[in-house]
Amino acid sequence: MTADADPVVLVTGAGSGIGAATALAFADDGWTVYATDIETPLPDRVSERCRTRALDVTSDEQCQAVVDGILAEAGRLDCLVNNAGYAASGPLEDVPVEAGRDVFDVLVHGPHRLSRAVLPEMRDGGGRIVNVSSVLARRACPGLGAYSGGKAALSSMSDALRMELADTPVHVALVEPAWVETAFADSARSGLPDDRTPDYDGVYESLEDGWTLDGGPLAAAPEAVAAAVLDAATDENPSARYPVGRFAKFVRWTEWLPQRVVDPITRRFGRVTARLDRWL
C-alpha cells in the first residue's frame, strides 16, 4: 500500500480532554491522526477529522494489532502519543491493591506495550514517543498516591528509554501539565472508596470539595497541553520535558526545597481550597 505523504501520529485516550485536543491539534498541523480510545465511536469533532480505532492499552494484543493496522494502512508511523489515563483516588490505605494495579496497567504498562510495538518501525525511519505525564510525578499529594506513583514510574521509564535510544533516530519526550480542565476530576471523585478510614477525613474533604483534583482557577486548558505535545513531536531538537503552565513550572522549582518545607504546604493546600470553594 502506498505510504501517506503526511506524517502519521497515534494518540491514545483521544475520546475527550487532552487526548481529543491533541488529536485535533495534530490534524490542524497537517498530520494523519489515528485517534484511539477504549470505546468507539469517538466524539464527532474527533471522528470527522481523524481515523479512529478502539484501543484498550491494557491489552497486548490490541496494542500490537492497532500499530500493525496503522502501518499496513498508512505505511508509516512517525509519532506515538501516550495519553490514556486512569486514576484510583483516595488515601493509599483505603485504595485496594487491585485498583492500584489497574492504574499502573494504564499509566505505565500501556505506554510500555505501545512503545515496544512502534519501536521496530521507528528505529528504521525515525520518530517520536511523547508521554503525557504530570507534575504530580514530581510532587505527590495526599489522596492521589496511586496516580502520582504511576506518573512517576512513567517519567522514570521515559528517561531510561530516551537514553537507551540516544544513538537512534527516535526521540522521547515528557509533557508535564499540572491540572487541566477535563472530566478527570469528576471521574476520580466518582471512584473514591466507600470504606473510609476516619483519620483521612481531611484528605477526603480536599478531594471532594477542594482543588486537589481539578485545580480550580489554576487549571490549564486542554489545548495548552496539546500545543506542548505538538511541540514535543515537531521541535527539531526536542526537550526531555515540556512543563505546561506557570504552576507546573513552579512545582518543578519546589524540588529544590527541603521536604520539611514542602510537605506541610502540600498537605494544607487541599483543605484550604476546600474552604475557599465554599466561600466563593
C-alpha atoms as a PDB file:
ATOM      1  CA  MET A   1       0.000   0.000   0.000  1.00  0.00           C
ATOM      2  CA  THR A   2       1.255   3.491  -0.843  1.00  0.00           C
ATOM      3  CA  ALA A   3       2.522   5.413   2.162  1.00  0.00           C
ATOM      4  CA  ASP A   4       0.727   8.626   3.088  1.00  0.00           C
ATOM      5  CA  ALA A   5       2.691  11.794   2.359  1.00  0.00           C
ATOM      6  CA  ASP A   6       1.633  13.394   5.634  1.00  0.00           C
ATOM      7  CA  PRO A   7       3.299  12.356   8.898  1.00  0.00           C
ATOM      8  CA  VAL A   8       1.274   9.908  10.967  1.00  0.00           C
ATOM      9  CA  VAL A   9       0.530  10.014  14.694  1.00  0.00           C
ATOM     10  CA  LEU A  10      -1.194   7.595  17.054  1.00  0.00           C
ATOM     11  CA  VAL A  11      -2.904   9.269  20.029  1.00  0.00           C
ATOM     12  CA  THR A  12      -4.324   7.256  22.930  1.00  0.00           C
ATOM     13  CA  GLY A  13      -7.128   8.438  25.196  1.00  0.00           C
ATOM     14  CA  ALA A  14      -8.464  10.688  22.435  1.00  0.00           C
ATOM     15  CA  GLY A  15     -12.125  10.418  23.385  1.00  0.00           C
ATOM     16  CA  SER A  16     -12.084  13.577  25.480  1.00  0.00           C
ATOM     17  CA  GLY A  17      -9.950  16.162  27.259  1.00  0.00           C
ATOM     18  CA  ILE A  18      -6.245  16.307  26.492  1.00  0.00           C
ATOM     19  CA  GLY A  19      -6.372  13.425  24.008  1.00  0.00           C
ATOM     20  CA  ALA A  20      -9.149  14.943  21.913  1.00  0.00           C
ATOM     21  CA  ALA A  21      -7.453  18.354  21.908  1.00  0.00           C
ATOM     22  CA  THR A  22      -4.153  16.716  20.943  1.00  0.00           C
ATOM     23  CA  ALA A  23      -5.686  14.749  18.070  1.00  0.00           C
ATOM     24  CA  LEU A  24      -7.238  17.938  16.697  1.00  0.00           C
ATOM     25  CA  ALA A  25      -4.002  19.914  17.117  1.00  0.00           C
ATOM     26  CA  PHE A  26      -2.121  17.348  15.029  1.00  0.00           C
ATOM     27  CA  ALA A  27      -4.911  17.367  12.425  1.00  0.00           C
ATOM     28  CA  ASP A  28      -4.674  21.166  12.229  1.00  0.00           C
ATOM     29  CA  ASP A  29      -0.931  20.789  11.639  1.00  0.00           C
ATOM     30  CA  GLY A  30      -1.485  18.510   8.639  1.00  0.00           C
ATOM     31  CA  TRP A  31      -0.846  15.126  10.234  1.00  0.00           C
ATOM     32  CA  THR A  32      -2.759  11.940   9.554  1.00  0.00           C
ATOM     33  CA  VAL A  33      -4.167  11.227  13.011  1.00  0.00           C
ATOM     34  CA  TYR A  34      -5.169   7.850  14.392  1.00  0.00           C
ATOM     35  CA  ALA A  35      -7.250   8.778  17.423  1.00  0.00           C
ATOM     36  CA  THR A  36      -7.898   5.906  19.796  1.00  0.00           C
ATOM     37  CA  ASP A  37      -9.820   5.269  22.988  1.00  0.00           C
ATOM     38  CA  ILE A  38     -11.089   2.270  24.869  1.00  0.00           C
ATOM     39  CA  GLU A  39     -14.508   2.655  23.254  1.00  0.00           C
ATOM     40  CA  THR A  40     -15.734   3.960  19.919  1.00  0.00           C
ATOM     41  CA  PRO A  41     -17.304   5.919  18.368  1.00  0.00           C
ATOM     42  CA  LEU A  42     -15.278   8.933  19.420  1.00  0.00           C
ATOM     43  CA  PRO A  43     -16.879  12.414  19.533  1.00  0.00           C
ATOM     44  CA  ASP A  44     -17.864  13.839  16.144  1.00  0.00           C
ATOM     45  CA  ARG A  45     -15.310  16.650  16.377  1.00  0.00           C
ATOM     46  CA  VAL A  46     -12.594  13.988  16.512  1.00  0.00           C
ATOM     47  CA  SER A  47     -14.032  11.312  14.227  1.00  0.00           C
ATOM     48  CA  GLU A  48     -14.763  13.832  11.461  1.00  0.00           C
ATOM     49  CA  ARG A  49     -11.083  14.785  11.190  1.00  0.00           C
ATOM     50  CA  CYS A  50      -9.221  11.702  12.386  1.00  0.00           C
ATOM     51  CA  ARG A  51      -9.103   7.983  11.705  1.00  0.00           C
ATOM     52  CA  THR A  52     -10.449   6.360  14.837  1.00  0.00           C
ATOM     53  CA  ARG A  53      -9.753   2.996  16.419  1.00  0.00           C
ATOM     54  CA  ALA A  54     -10.844   1.236  19.603  1.00  0.00           C
ATOM     55  CA  LEU A  55      -7.796   0.564  21.773  1.00  0.00           C
ATOM     56  CA  ASP A  56      -7.548  -0.804  25.289  1.00  0.00           C
ATOM     57  CA  VAL A  57      -3.949  -0.018  26.247  1.00  0.00           C
ATOM     58  CA  THR A  58      -4.014  -2.805  28.845  1.00  0.00           C
ATOM     59  CA  SER A  59      -4.263  -5.421  26.072  1.00  0.00           C
ATOM     60  CA  ASP A  60      -1.033  -6.660  24.492  1.00  0.00           C
ATOM     61  CA  GLU A  61      -2.970  -7.995  21.518  1.00  0.00           C
ATOM     62  CA  GLN A  62      -4.904  -4.785  20.833  1.00  0.00           C
ATOM     63  CA  CYS A  63      -1.810  -2.591  21.121  1.00  0.00           C
ATOM     64  CA  GLN A  64       0.090  -4.684  18.582  1.00  0.00           C
ATOM     65  CA  ALA A  65      -2.934  -5.048  16.288  1.00  0.00           C
ATOM     66  CA  VAL A  66      -3.626  -1.305  16.166  1.00  0.00           C
ATOM     67  CA  VAL A  67       0.015  -0.489  15.408  1.00  0.00           C
ATOM     68  CA  ASP A  68       0.199  -3.191  12.737  1.00  0.00           C
ATOM     69  CA  GLY A  69      -3.040  -1.906  11.214  1.00  0.00           C
ATOM     70  CA  ILE A  70      -1.742   1.656  11.017  1.00  0.00           C
ATOM     71  CA  LEU A  71       1.473   0.542   9.360  1.00  0.00           C
ATOM     72  CA  ALA A  72      -0.451  -1.565   6.853  1.00  0.00           C
ATOM     73  CA  GLU A  73      -2.857   1.275   6.030  1.00  0.00           C
ATOM     74  CA  ALA A  74      -0.665   4.381   6.254  1.00  0.00           C
ATOM     75  CA  GLY A  75       2.735   2.853   5.548  1.00  0.00           C
ATOM     76  CA  ARG A  76       4.412   4.767   8.364  1.00  0.00           C
ATOM     77  CA  LEU A  77       4.117   5.871  11.975  1.00  0.00           C
ATOM     78  CA  ASP A  78       6.028   8.993  12.952  1.00  0.00           C
ATOM     79  CA  CYS A  79       4.785   9.722  16.449  1.00  0.00           C
ATOM     80  CA  LEU A  80       3.189   7.899  19.374  1.00  0.00           C
ATOM     81  CA  VAL A  81       1.396   9.997  21.998  1.00  0.00           C
ATOM     82  CA  ASN A  82       0.753   8.007  25.176  1.00  0.00           C
ATOM     83  CA  ASN A  83      -2.030   9.963  26.824  1.00  0.00           C
ATOM     84  CA  ALA A  84      -4.580   7.408  28.060  1.00  0.00           C
ATOM     85  CA  GLY A  85      -5.183   7.903  31.760  1.00  0.00           C
ATOM     86  CA  TYR A  86      -6.874   6.399  34.779  1.00  0.00           C
ATOM     87  CA  ALA A  87      -6.917   7.303  38.470  1.00  0.00           C
ATOM     88  CA  ALA A  88      -7.817   5.429  41.650  1.00  0.00           C
ATOM     89  CA  SER A  89      -8.056   8.295  44.114  1.00  0.00           C
ATOM     90  CA  GLY A  90      -8.161   8.181  47.872  1.00  0.00           C
ATOM     91  CA  PRO A  91      -5.652   7.659  50.704  1.00  0.00           C
ATOM     92  CA  LEU A  92      -3.406   4.731  49.880  1.00  0.00           C
ATOM     93  CA  GLU A  93      -4.551   2.775  52.927  1.00  0.00           C
ATOM     94  CA  ASP A  94      -8.101   2.865  51.539  1.00  0.00           C
ATOM     95  CA  VAL A  95      -7.237   2.172  47.888  1.00  0.00           C
ATOM     96  CA  PRO A  96      -7.472  -1.560  47.080  1.00  0.00           C
ATOM     97  CA  VAL A  97      -4.247  -3.033  45.722  1.00  0.00           C
ATOM     98  CA  GLU A  98      -6.117  -4.255  42.639  1.00  0.00           C
ATOM     99  CA  ALA A  99      -7.185  -0.682  41.893  1.00  0.00           C
ATOM    100  CA  GLY A 100      -3.550   0.394  42.139  1.00  0.00           C
ATOM    101  CA  ARG A 101      -2.608  -2.328  39.671  1.00  0.00           C
ATOM    102  CA  ASP A 102      -5.233  -1.014  37.256  1.00  0.00           C
ATOM    103  CA  VAL A 103      -3.716   2.468  37.461  1.00  0.00           C
ATOM    104  CA  PHE A 104      -0.235   1.171  36.675  1.00  0.00           C
ATOM    105  CA  ASP A 105      -1.543  -1.014  33.857  1.00  0.00           C
ATOM    106  CA  VAL A 106      -2.919   2.059  32.073  1.00  0.00           C
ATOM    107  CA  LEU A 107      -0.320   4.704  33.010  1.00  0.00           C
ATOM    108  CA  VAL A 108       2.850   2.582  32.912  1.00  0.00           C
ATOM    109  CA  HIS A 109       2.377  -0.744  31.176  1.00  0.00           C
ATOM    110  CA  GLY A 110       0.174   0.726  28.423  1.00  0.00           C
ATOM    111  CA  PRO A 111       2.895   3.115  27.182  1.00  0.00           C
ATOM    112  CA  HIS A 112       5.417   0.290  27.569  1.00  0.00           C
ATOM    113  CA  ARG A 113       3.305  -2.011  25.382  1.00  0.00           C
ATOM    114  CA  LEU A 114       2.846   0.589  22.687  1.00  0.00           C
ATOM    115  CA  SER A 115       6.472   1.697  22.737  1.00  0.00           C
ATOM    116  CA  ARG A 116       7.551  -1.892  22.167  1.00  0.00           C
ATOM    117  CA  ALA A 117       5.081  -2.141  19.285  1.00  0.00           C
ATOM    118  CA  VAL A 118       6.214   1.029  17.462  1.00  0.00           C
ATOM    119  CA  LEU A 119       9.969   0.935  18.034  1.00  0.00           C
ATOM    120  CA  PRO A 120      10.917  -1.610  15.345  1.00  0.00           C
ATOM    121  CA  GLU A 121       9.371   0.695  12.718  1.00  0.00           C
ATOM    122  CA  MET A 122      10.652   3.942  14.237  1.00  0.00           C
ATOM    123  CA  ARG A 123      14.173   2.637  14.624  1.00  0.00           C
ATOM    124  CA  ASP A 124      14.394   2.348  10.840  1.00  0.00           C
ATOM    125  CA  GLY A 125      12.549   5.525   9.851  1.00  0.00           C
ATOM    126  CA  GLY A 126      12.849   7.783  12.889  1.00  0.00           C
ATOM    127  CA  GLY A 127      10.070   9.027  15.126  1.00  0.00           C
ATOM    128  CA  ARG A 128       8.918  10.487  18.409  1.00  0.00           C
ATOM    129  CA  ILE A 129       7.387   8.985  21.529  1.00  0.00           C
ATOM    130  CA  VAL A 130       5.621  11.632  23.605  1.00  0.00           C
ATOM    131  CA  ASN A 131       4.410  10.560  27.030  1.00  0.00           C
ATOM    132  CA  VAL A 132       1.876  12.738  28.816  1.00  0.00           C
ATOM    133  CA  SER A 133       2.913  12.686  32.452  1.00  0.00           C
ATOM    134  CA  SER A 134       2.078  15.171  35.226  1.00  0.00           C
ATOM    135  CA  VAL A 135       3.823  17.380  37.749  1.00  0.00           C
ATOM    136  CA  LEU A 136       2.257  15.009  40.288  1.00  0.00           C
ATOM    137  CA  ALA A 137       5.053  12.669  39.263  1.00  0.00           C
ATOM    138  CA  ARG A 138       7.387  15.180  40.869  1.00  0.00           C
ATOM    139  CA  ARG A 139       5.249  16.373  43.754  1.00  0.00           C
ATOM    140  CA  ALA A 140       2.768  13.828  45.090  1.00  0.00           C
ATOM    141  CA  CYS A 141      -0.179  14.974  47.153  1.00  0.00           C
ATOM    142  CA  PRO A 142      -2.405  13.214  49.692  1.00  0.00           C
ATOM    143  CA  GLY A 143      -5.236  11.273  48.090  1.00  0.00           C
ATOM    144  CA  LEU A 144      -3.519  10.814  44.744  1.00  0.00           C
ATOM    145  CA  GLY A 145      -0.700   8.491  45.713  1.00  0.00           C
ATOM    146  CA  ALA A 146      -1.553   5.732  43.237  1.00  0.00           C
ATOM    147  CA  TYR A 147      -1.888   8.185  40.351  1.00  0.00           C
ATOM    148  CA  SER A 148       1.273  10.077  41.314  1.00  0.00           C
ATOM    149  CA  GLY A 149       3.130   6.776  41.605  1.00  0.00           C
ATOM    150  CA  GLY A 150       2.009   5.726  38.135  1.00  0.00           C
ATOM    151  CA  LYS A 151       3.050   9.028  36.598  1.00  0.00           C
ATOM    152  CA  ALA A 152       6.392   8.909  38.432  1.00  0.00           C
ATOM    153  CA  ALA A 153       7.019   5.430  37.049  1.00  0.00           C
ATOM    154  CA  LEU A 154       6.101   6.624  33.544  1.00  0.00           C
ATOM    155  CA  SER A 155       8.520   9.542  33.882  1.00  0.00           C
ATOM    156  CA  SER A 156      11.373   7.317  35.033  1.00  0.00           C
ATOM    157  CA  MET A 157      10.750   4.814  32.252  1.00  0.00           C
ATOM    158  CA  SER A 158      10.680   7.660  29.726  1.00  0.00           C
ATOM    159  CA  ASP A 159      14.043   8.920  30.975  1.00  0.00           C
ATOM    160  CA  ALA A 160      15.532   5.438  30.629  1.00  0.00           C
ATOM    161  CA  LEU A 161      14.042   4.943  27.164  1.00  0.00           C
ATOM    162  CA  ARG A 162      15.302   8.340  26.000  1.00  0.00           C
ATOM    163  CA  MET A 163      18.867   7.426  26.965  1.00  0.00           C
ATOM    164  CA  GLU A 164      18.584   3.906  25.551  1.00  0.00           C
ATOM    165  CA  LEU A 165      17.528   5.377  22.189  1.00  0.00           C
ATOM    166  CA  ALA A 166      20.125   8.178  22.154  1.00  0.00           C
ATOM    167  CA  ASP A 167      22.032   6.572  19.266  1.00  0.00           C
ATOM    168  CA  THR A 168      18.906   6.027  17.155  1.00  0.00           C
ATOM    169  CA  PRO A 169      16.653   8.425  15.206  1.00  0.00           C
ATOM    170  CA  VAL A 170      13.929   8.054  17.870  1.00  0.00           C
ATOM    171  CA  HIS A 171      13.346  10.801  20.441  1.00  0.00           C
ATOM    172  CA  VAL A 172      11.380  10.501  23.698  1.00  0.00           C
ATOM    173  CA  ALA A 173       9.818  13.461  25.497  1.00  0.00           C
ATOM    174  CA  LEU A 174       7.619  14.028  28.531  1.00  0.00           C
ATOM    175  CA  VAL A 175       4.813  16.586  28.674  1.00  0.00           C
ATOM    176  CA  GLU A 176       4.109  17.653  32.255  1.00  0.00           C
ATOM    177  CA  PRO A 177       0.907  19.584  32.942  1.00  0.00           C
ATOM    178  CA  ALA A 178      -0.469  20.328  36.377  1.00  0.00           C
ATOM    179  CA  TRP A 179      -4.265  20.470  36.492  1.00  0.00           C
ATOM    180  CA  VAL A 180      -6.224  20.542  33.250  1.00  0.00           C
ATOM    181  CA  GLU A 181      -9.863  21.444  32.561  1.00  0.00           C
ATOM    182  CA  THR A 182     -11.147  17.942  31.787  1.00  0.00           C
ATOM    183  CA  ALA A 183     -13.568  15.376  33.188  1.00  0.00           C
ATOM    184  CA  PHE A 184     -10.702  13.767  35.118  1.00  0.00           C
ATOM    185  CA  ALA A 185     -11.771  15.242  38.457  1.00  0.00           C
ATOM    186  CA  ASP A 186     -15.374  14.067  38.170  1.00  0.00           C
ATOM    187  CA  SER A 187     -14.252  10.579  37.217  1.00  0.00           C
ATOM    188  CA  ALA A 188     -11.763  10.425  40.085  1.00  0.00           C
ATOM    189  CA  ARG A 189     -14.358  11.630  42.598  1.00  0.00           C
ATOM    190  CA  SER A 190     -16.860   9.027  41.437  1.00  0.00           C
ATOM    191  CA  GLY A 191     -14.335   6.302  42.197  1.00  0.00           C
ATOM    192  CA  LEU A 192     -13.469   7.342  45.742  1.00  0.00           C
ATOM    193  CA  PRO A 193     -13.551   4.442  48.221  1.00  0.00           C
ATOM    194  CA  ASP A 194     -16.795   3.821  50.105  1.00  0.00           C
ATOM    195  CA  ASP A 195     -14.979   2.195  53.012  1.00  0.00           C
ATOM    196  CA  ARG A 196     -13.102   5.152  54.508  1.00  0.00           C
ATOM    197  CA  THR A 197     -10.651   5.359  57.391  1.00  0.00           C
ATOM    198  CA  PRO A 198     -11.812   8.241  59.649  1.00  0.00           C
ATOM    199  CA  ASP A 199      -8.260   9.535  60.118  1.00  0.00           C
ATOM    200  CA  TYR A 200      -8.364  10.704  56.484  1.00  0.00           C
ATOM    201  CA  ASP A 201     -11.461  12.898  56.695  1.00  0.00           C
ATOM    202  CA  GLY A 202      -9.357  15.939  55.769  1.00  0.00           C
ATOM    203  CA  VAL A 203      -7.947  14.201  52.716  1.00  0.00           C
ATOM    204  CA  TYR A 204     -11.428  13.250  51.517  1.00  0.00           C
ATOM    205  CA  GLU A 205     -12.605  16.807  52.086  1.00  0.00           C
ATOM    206  CA  SER A 206      -9.824  18.114  49.845  1.00  0.00           C
ATOM    207  CA  LEU A 207     -10.671  15.574  47.148  1.00  0.00           C
ATOM    208  CA  GLU A 208     -14.417  16.170  47.197  1.00  0.00           C
ATOM    209  CA  ASP A 209     -14.596  19.912  47.833  1.00  0.00           C
ATOM    210  CA  GLY A 210     -11.156  21.374  47.177  1.00  0.00           C
ATOM    211  CA  TRP A 211      -8.852  21.903  44.230  1.00  0.00           C
ATOM    212  CA  THR A 212      -6.775  18.743  44.728  1.00  0.00           C
ATOM    213  CA  LEU A 213      -8.387  17.027  41.736  1.00  0.00           C
ATOM    214  CA  ASP A 214      -9.452  19.853  39.431  1.00  0.00           C
ATOM    215  CA  GLY A 215      -7.066  22.696  40.287  1.00  0.00           C
ATOM    216  CA  GLY A 216      -9.854  25.278  40.446  1.00  0.00           C
ATOM    217  CA  PRO A 217      -8.730  28.511  38.745  1.00  0.00           C
ATOM    218  CA  LEU A 218      -5.197  27.102  38.387  1.00  0.00           C
ATOM    219  CA  ALA A 219      -6.262  24.541  35.763  1.00  0.00           C
ATOM    220  CA  ALA A 220      -4.983  24.900  32.198  1.00  0.00           C
ATOM    221  CA  ALA A 221      -6.993  24.377  29.028  1.00  0.00           C
ATOM    222  CA  PRO A 222      -6.550  21.022  27.251  1.00  0.00           C
ATOM    223  CA  GLU A 223      -5.438  22.965  24.175  1.00  0.00           C
ATOM    224  CA  ALA A 224      -2.396  24.251  26.090  1.00  0.00           C
ATOM    225  CA  VAL A 225      -1.299  20.686  26.784  1.00  0.00           C
ATOM    226  CA  ALA A 226      -1.997  19.711  23.176  1.00  0.00           C
ATOM    227  CA  ALA A 227       0.239  22.549  21.973  1.00  0.00           C
ATOM    228  CA  ALA A 228       3.078  21.247  24.148  1.00  0.00           C
ATOM    229  CA  VAL A 229       2.591  17.718  22.808  1.00  0.00           C
ATOM    230  CA  LEU A 230       2.756  19.022  19.247  1.00  0.00           C
ATOM    231  CA  ASP A 231       5.942  20.940  20.087  1.00  0.00           C
ATOM    232  CA  ALA A 232       7.470  17.771  21.517  1.00  0.00           C
ATOM    233  CA  ALA A 233       6.588  15.952  18.291  1.00  0.00           C
ATOM    234  CA  THR A 234       7.878  18.606  15.908  1.00  0.00           C
ATOM    235  CA  ASP A 235      10.742  20.517  17.572  1.00  0.00           C
ATOM    236  CA  GLU A 236      13.967  19.991  15.661  1.00  0.00           C
ATOM    237  CA  ASN A 237      15.822  19.450  18.937  1.00  0.00           C
ATOM    238  CA  PRO A 238      13.142  18.263  21.351  1.00  0.00           C
ATOM    239  CA  SER A 239      13.490  18.862  25.071  1.00  0.00           C
ATOM    240  CA  ALA A 240      13.335  15.987  27.513  1.00  0.00           C
ATOM    241  CA  ARG A 241      10.450  17.680  29.358  1.00  0.00           C
ATOM    242  CA  TYR A 242       7.728  20.159  28.467  1.00  0.00           C
ATOM    243  CA  PRO A 243       6.041  21.660  31.552  1.00  0.00           C
ATOM    244  CA  VAL A 244       2.661  23.201  30.771  1.00  0.00           C
ATOM    245  CA  GLY A 245       1.689  26.432  32.509  1.00  0.00           C
ATOM    246  CA  ARG A 246       3.203  28.578  35.225  1.00  0.00           C
ATOM    247  CA  PHE A 247       2.059  26.364  38.062  1.00  0.00           C
ATOM    248  CA  ALA A 248       3.743  23.317  36.540  1.00  0.00           C
ATOM    249  CA  LYS A 249       6.976  25.292  36.302  1.00  0.00           C
ATOM    250  CA  PHE A 250       6.541  26.434  39.909  1.00  0.00           C
ATOM    251  CA  VAL A 251       6.140  22.828  41.080  1.00  0.00           C
ATOM    252  CA  ARG A 252       9.354  21.912  39.298  1.00  0.00           C
ATOM    253  CA  TRP A 253      11.086  24.751  41.147  1.00  0.00           C
ATOM    254  CA  THR A 254       9.889  23.439  44.523  1.00  0.00           C
ATOM    255  CA  GLU A 255      12.045  20.356  44.014  1.00  0.00           C
ATOM    256  CA  TRP A 256      14.905  22.485  45.282  1.00  0.00           C
ATOM    257  CA  LEU A 257      13.132  22.966  48.617  1.00  0.00           C
ATOM    258  CA  PRO A 258      13.536  20.502  51.504  1.00  0.00           C
ATOM    259  CA  GLN A 259      10.658  18.119  52.176  1.00  0.00           C
ATOM    260  CA  ARG A 260      10.141  19.554  55.670  1.00  0.00           C
ATOM    261  CA  VAL A 261       9.110  22.804  53.963  1.00  0.00           C
ATOM    262  CA  VAL A 262       7.072  21.374  51.105  1.00  0.00           C
ATOM    263  CA  ASP A 263       5.141  18.625  52.905  1.00  0.00           C
ATOM    264  CA  PRO A 264       3.116  20.913  55.209  1.00  0.00           C
ATOM    265  CA  ILE A 265       2.244  23.215  52.295  1.00  0.00           C
ATOM    266  CA  THR A 266       1.081  20.306  50.154  1.00  0.00           C
ATOM    267  CA  ARG A 267      -0.955  18.766  52.989  1.00  0.00           C
ATOM    268  CA  ARG A 268      -2.758  22.024  53.733  1.00  0.00           C
ATOM    269  CA  PHE A 269      -3.391  23.023  50.130  1.00  0.00           C
ATOM    270  CA  GLY A 270      -6.405  20.761  49.650  1.00  0.00           C
ATOM    271  CA  ARG A 271      -8.057  21.727  52.907  1.00  0.00           C
ATOM    272  CA  VAL A 272      -7.576  25.462  52.309  1.00  0.00           C
ATOM    273  CA  THR A 273      -9.029  25.238  48.808  1.00  0.00           C
ATOM    274  CA  ALA A 274     -11.989  23.218  50.092  1.00  0.00           C
ATOM    275  CA  ARG A 275     -12.864  26.124  52.348  1.00  0.00           C
ATOM    276  CA  LEU A 276     -12.245  28.620  49.536  1.00  0.00           C
ATOM    277  CA  ASP A 277     -14.672  26.747  47.288  1.00  0.00           C
ATOM    278  CA  ARG A 278     -17.359  27.094  49.938  1.00  0.00           C
ATOM    279  CA  TRP A 279     -16.669  30.794  50.367  1.00  0.00           C
ATOM    280  CA  LEU A 280     -16.501  31.670  46.650  1.00  0.00           C
END
